[in-house]
Amino acid sequence: MTEGTLSSDATSPSEDGSERVRVLIVDDEPLVRESIELCLAPLGHEVTPTGGADHARVAVARKRFDLVLLDLRLNEHSGLDLIPELLEADPSLSIVLMTAYGSVESAVEAMRRGAFDYIHKPISPSELRMLVGRISERRALRQRLQVLEETARDATPSPLLDSEHPAMARAVATARDVASTDATVLITGESGTGKGVLARALHGWSARAARPFAVVNCPSLSAELLRSELFGHVKGSFTGATENKMGKIEFADGGSLFLDEVGELTPEIQPRLLRFLQDREYERVGDPQPRLADVRLIAATNADLEKSVAAGDFRGDLYYRLNVIQIEMPPLRARRNDIPVLAESFLRFFSARYGKQIEGFSDDALTALQDQPWPGNVRELQNAVERAVILARSPRIGTSVLPRGAGGGILDRTGMGDAADLPTLEGMEERYIRHVLEVTGSIEEASEVLGVAPSTLWRRRRKYGI
């Protein structure tokens, strides 16, 4: 393998049973490089040999490695000086300093500068195998911790996918069918229907499940910050860039990236994302050096992207790249039979979270919940049940602690009149949004009650002139 070789498929198991480790050798002695490569490459590990500091910098700038075997003496350079440089470029690196001239002082200094370990030359094959095994275990542990942190952070009840409604069952079945592939998936549907839940489930059903699942909410960031969030940036690339930052694409290498509300991507970001989808190449902000990442993309939108393409707001070539597999999530009002099941599941979850002994809903409360149009869909229902649990003073949830729309206010069946007097769904949505805005103290609070993102509420306000 020549210097700077790029390779993919870094997730396959090696011949010795451990996961494939991506190794960068930095040594000015060809025989040392060759002997290490001959030991590790046949075991299935990905080995990139380089002969000096400059080649090492370029290699680390272009792709991610798990292990760097770094010689202490590199012609005119010192391996010690290179350690902090490489770690600044990629803080997740495990750097092992190699030397035939070992001393306590150099070992201590190597560890002080961030080295993972320090070994003496010549290195036996058994030492190398043990070392890459430790690195593989360390990487797996770091990934498991990441999964646990994400699970704890995103812990919400997820009965959403258990549905007998034909459209919902079809969406889940399609997601299961395509999970084993690397095909790009576009999940469509209204806000709050559970697109993010399905995306996370799709990742969990795939062979990438043990790898990171990264999420980027496209409307929540400015164009500059969104580009940095996706691709990363280097120190000094813009005001406020005080250090190198790994982007979500780099973080998700080997795993999945979920782009929520992808229809909100700015014209500046769209061609960069298209390039990544086509070639798996991207560049950090402020760094012209191309980098590679093996990432499965899942996107979601509540917008009609075909209309956006026709209006010139969204690139057609990007839309077709995203729309390899499309999965549509039905709105909650189309699957009313699921509402009692969802509500009971949310009730159990929030009762446990808040330490309350609540047995269930009254018949009137369940009827009221099923009569609600739920413009915010499942997210709005979840928020309504959480609020009811917090306010409940008895072991059974009644209509008095439900949001006004679900109990006896704008949706009171006895006050709706004849069919000719019934409002349109849009009219009802507008009235409900106006009511929520009146009784809440901020856009953020109103968004939380409605179960939609602030950006979605902003668009609805603009639509209705609120």
Foldseek 3Di string as FASTA:
>chain_A
DAALDDDAPQQPPFQVGFGAFEEEEEAQDPVLLVVLCVLRVNRPHHYHYDRHLVSVLLNLQAEDGLEYEAEQDRPVDGSLVSLLVSCLSPVNHAYEYEYQDDDPVVQVSSVVSPHNYYYYPPDDSVNSVVVVRVSRVVVLVVLVVVVVVVCVVPVDDDCLQVAPPVQSVVLLVVLLVCLADLAFEEEEEAAQLCLVVSVLVSQCSYPLNSFDEAEDEAVVDDLVVSLCQAQWAADPLDPPRNGTGHHPQNRRFSGEYEYEAVLNHAPVCQVQVVCCLVPQWHHHRPGPNIYHGHYRYYYYHHDDVVVCCVVVGHPPSSVVSNVPDYRYRYFCLVRLVCLQVLLQSLLVVLCVVVVHQADEEDPLLSVLSSQASLSNGSLLSSLQSNQQSVPDPDNYGYLVRGPCSSRPPPRNVVPQDDPVSHDDPLVSVVVVLVVLVVPDDDLVSSCNNSRGDSVVSVVSCVVVVD
